[in-house]
Amino acid sequence: MITITPQAAARLALMIAEERDADKLGIKLVPTTTGCGSFTYSIAITEAEKHDQVQLINEIRFLYQPQDVDKLLGTVIDCDPVTGRFSILHPRPQEAHCPHTH
């Protein structure tokens, strides 16, 4: 469903390991709309909620709600090795006439 690159998985594993309840934690992508039909995301390190599905990707527990699968499909989480910053890339492009891109 999504891809977590090895570099992103290593960075996420370090971040999760710093938490005292690390064995219960995973990551969740929190989608937000831009107003132009595409999505931006934040990464949350959290425990699974009641209806979350759990998928192990590169040893990282990825948590998601079944109704979000279509929004998340094809997403890639990567991490810059120099800055340690995450990038979340989604294959759904913004609409060409979006006023937020100009």
C-alpha atoms as a PDB file:
ATOM      1  CA  MET A   1       0.000   0.000   0.000  1.00  0.00           C
ATOM      2  CA  ILE A   2       2.722   2.499   0.970  1.00  0.00           C
ATOM      3  CA  THR A   3       6.500   2.391   0.852  1.00  0.00           C
ATOM      4  CA  ILE A   4       8.788   3.328   3.713  1.00  0.00           C
ATOM      5  CA  THR A   5      12.329   3.598   2.387  1.00  0.00           C
ATOM      6  CA  PRO A   6      15.120   1.951   4.396  1.00  0.00           C
ATOM      7  CA  GLN A   7      16.492   5.365   5.423  1.00  0.00           C
ATOM      8  CA  ALA A   8      13.074   6.536   6.607  1.00  0.00           C
ATOM      9  CA  ALA A   9      12.505   3.256   8.446  1.00  0.00           C
ATOM     10  CA  ALA A  10      15.852   3.583  10.239  1.00  0.00           C
ATOM     11  CA  ARG A  11      15.087   7.161  11.348  1.00  0.00           C
ATOM     12  CA  LEU A  12      11.538   6.262  12.419  1.00  0.00           C
ATOM     13  CA  ALA A  13      12.837   3.229  14.361  1.00  0.00           C
ATOM     14  CA  LEU A  14      15.238   5.496  16.283  1.00  0.00           C
ATOM     15  CA  MET A  15      12.474   7.970  17.069  1.00  0.00           C
ATOM     16  CA  ILE A  16      10.083   5.249  18.224  1.00  0.00           C
ATOM     17  CA  ALA A  17      12.793   3.562  20.323  1.00  0.00           C
ATOM     18  CA  GLU A  18      13.183   6.783  22.343  1.00  0.00           C
ATOM     19  CA  GLU A  19       9.630   6.384  23.674  1.00  0.00           C
ATOM     20  CA  ARG A  20       9.134   4.298  26.818  1.00  0.00           C
ATOM     21  CA  ASP A  21       6.146   2.459  25.314  1.00  0.00           C
ATOM     22  CA  ALA A  22       7.937   1.845  21.979  1.00  0.00           C
ATOM     23  CA  ASP A  23       6.682  -1.741  21.743  1.00  0.00           C
ATOM     24  CA  LYS A  24       3.100  -0.428  21.379  1.00  0.00           C
ATOM     25  CA  LEU A  25       3.833   2.359  18.896  1.00  0.00           C
ATOM     26  CA  GLY A  26       3.622   2.715  15.166  1.00  0.00           C
ATOM     27  CA  ILE A  27       3.242   5.527  12.682  1.00  0.00           C
ATOM     28  CA  LYS A  28       0.131   6.956  11.166  1.00  0.00           C
ATOM     29  CA  LEU A  29      -0.106   9.353   8.231  1.00  0.00           C
ATOM     30  CA  VAL A  30      -2.586  12.087   8.940  1.00  0.00           C
ATOM     31  CA  PRO A  31      -3.914  13.358   5.591  1.00  0.00           C
ATOM     32  CA  THR A  32      -5.053  16.935   5.123  1.00  0.00           C
ATOM     33  CA  THR A  33      -6.535  18.331   1.937  1.00  0.00           C
ATOM     34  CA  THR A  34      -4.910  21.284   0.198  1.00  0.00           C
ATOM     35  CA  GLY A  35      -8.164  22.468  -1.270  1.00  0.00           C
ATOM     36  CA  CYS A  36      -7.038  21.404  -4.740  1.00  0.00           C
ATOM     37  CA  GLY A  37      -7.834  17.715  -4.657  1.00  0.00           C
ATOM     38  CA  SER A  38      -4.455  16.494  -3.435  1.00  0.00           C
ATOM     39  CA  PHE A  39      -3.223  15.563   0.006  1.00  0.00           C
ATOM     40  CA  THR A  40      -0.417  16.576   2.295  1.00  0.00           C
ATOM     41  CA  TYR A  41       0.490  14.515   5.324  1.00  0.00           C
ATOM     42  CA  SER A  42       1.926  14.670   8.795  1.00  0.00           C
ATOM     43  CA  ILE A  43       3.531  11.666  10.491  1.00  0.00           C
ATOM     44  CA  ALA A  44       2.219  10.781  13.929  1.00  0.00           C
ATOM     45  CA  ILE A  45       3.924   8.295  16.237  1.00  0.00           C
ATOM     46  CA  THR A  46       1.068   6.770  18.160  1.00  0.00           C
ATOM     47  CA  GLU A  47      -0.619   3.664  19.514  1.00  0.00           C
ATOM     48  CA  ALA A  48      -3.165   1.845  17.381  1.00  0.00           C
ATOM     49  CA  GLU A  49      -6.753   2.978  17.827  1.00  0.00           C
ATOM     50  CA  LYS A  50      -9.725   0.637  17.983  1.00  0.00           C
ATOM     51  CA  HIS A  51     -10.353   0.276  14.239  1.00  0.00           C
ATOM     52  CA  ASP A  52      -6.790   0.736  12.976  1.00  0.00           C
ATOM     53  CA  GLN A  53      -5.288  -1.832  10.672  1.00  0.00           C
ATOM     54  CA  VAL A  54      -1.605  -2.622  11.230  1.00  0.00           C
ATOM     55  CA  GLN A  55       0.864  -3.388   8.464  1.00  0.00           C
ATOM     56  CA  LEU A  56       4.568  -4.034   9.115  1.00  0.00           C
ATOM     57  CA  ILE A  57       6.660  -2.171   6.534  1.00  0.00           C
ATOM     58  CA  ASN A  58      10.454  -2.300   6.859  1.00  0.00           C
ATOM     59  CA  GLU A  59       9.994  -3.243  10.531  1.00  0.00           C
ATOM     60  CA  ILE A  60       7.835  -0.158  11.177  1.00  0.00           C
ATOM     61  CA  ARG A  61       4.230  -0.630  12.286  1.00  0.00           C
ATOM     62  CA  PHE A  62       2.104   1.390   9.881  1.00  0.00           C
ATOM     63  CA  LEU A  63      -1.346   2.171  11.279  1.00  0.00           C
ATOM     64  CA  TYR A  64      -4.270   3.153   9.097  1.00  0.00           C
ATOM     65  CA  GLN A  65      -8.044   3.177   8.917  1.00  0.00           C
ATOM     66  CA  PRO A  66      -9.577   0.943   6.224  1.00  0.00           C
ATOM     67  CA  GLN A  67     -11.463   3.876   4.678  1.00  0.00           C
ATOM     68  CA  ASP A  68      -8.148   5.727   4.058  1.00  0.00           C
ATOM     69  CA  VAL A  69      -6.586   3.051   1.826  1.00  0.00           C
ATOM     70  CA  ASP A  70      -7.464   4.836  -1.441  1.00  0.00           C
ATOM     71  CA  LYS A  71      -5.921   8.106  -0.206  1.00  0.00           C
ATOM     72  CA  LEU A  72      -2.716   6.381   0.931  1.00  0.00           C
ATOM     73  CA  LEU A  73      -2.151   4.003  -1.984  1.00  0.00           C
ATOM     74  CA  GLY A  74       1.231   4.608  -3.628  1.00  0.00           C
ATOM     75  CA  THR A  75       2.539   6.970  -0.944  1.00  0.00           C
ATOM     76  CA  VAL A  76       6.295   6.908  -0.294  1.00  0.00           C
ATOM     77  CA  ILE A  77       7.876   8.004   2.996  1.00  0.00           C
ATOM     78  CA  ASP A  78      11.554   8.885   2.606  1.00  0.00           C
ATOM     79  CA  CYS A  79      14.165  10.589   4.753  1.00  0.00           C
ATOM     80  CA  ASP A  80      16.985  12.890   3.695  1.00  0.00           C
ATOM     81  CA  PRO A  81      20.237  11.368   5.020  1.00  0.00           C
ATOM     82  CA  VAL A  82      21.830  14.790   5.538  1.00  0.00           C
ATOM     83  CA  THR A  83      19.018  16.718   7.222  1.00  0.00           C
ATOM     84  CA  GLY A  84      17.020  13.838   8.720  1.00  0.00           C
ATOM     85  CA  ARG A  85      13.848  15.442   7.369  1.00  0.00           C
ATOM     86  CA  PHE A  86      11.057  13.254   6.104  1.00  0.00           C
ATOM     87  CA  SER A  87       9.376  13.635   2.750  1.00  0.00           C
ATOM     88  CA  ILE A  88       5.993  12.130   1.999  1.00  0.00           C
ATOM     89  CA  LEU A  89       5.348  11.730  -1.701  1.00  0.00           C
ATOM     90  CA  HIS A  90       1.948  10.852  -3.097  1.00  0.00           C
ATOM     91  CA  PRO A  91       1.257   9.907  -6.723  1.00  0.00           C
ATOM     92  CA  ARG A  92      -1.937  11.973  -6.902  1.00  0.00           C
ATOM     93  CA  PRO A  93      -0.953  15.298  -8.525  1.00  0.00           C
ATOM     94  CA  GLN A  94      -2.504  18.640  -7.682  1.00  0.00           C
ATOM     95  CA  GLU A  95      -5.104  19.905 -10.106  1.00  0.00           C
ATOM     96  CA  ALA A  96      -3.531  22.092 -12.817  1.00  0.00           C
ATOM     97  CA  HIS A  97      -5.786  25.071 -12.121  1.00  0.00           C
ATOM     98  CA  CYS A  98      -5.076  25.111  -8.368  1.00  0.00           C
ATOM     99  CA  PRO A  99      -4.671  28.683  -7.092  1.00  0.00           C
ATOM    100  CA  HIS A 100      -2.461  27.457  -4.232  1.00  0.00           C
ATOM    101  CA  THR A 101       0.386  26.535  -6.629  1.00  0.00           C
ATOM    102  CA  HIS A 102       0.883  30.025  -8.106  1.00  0.00           C
END
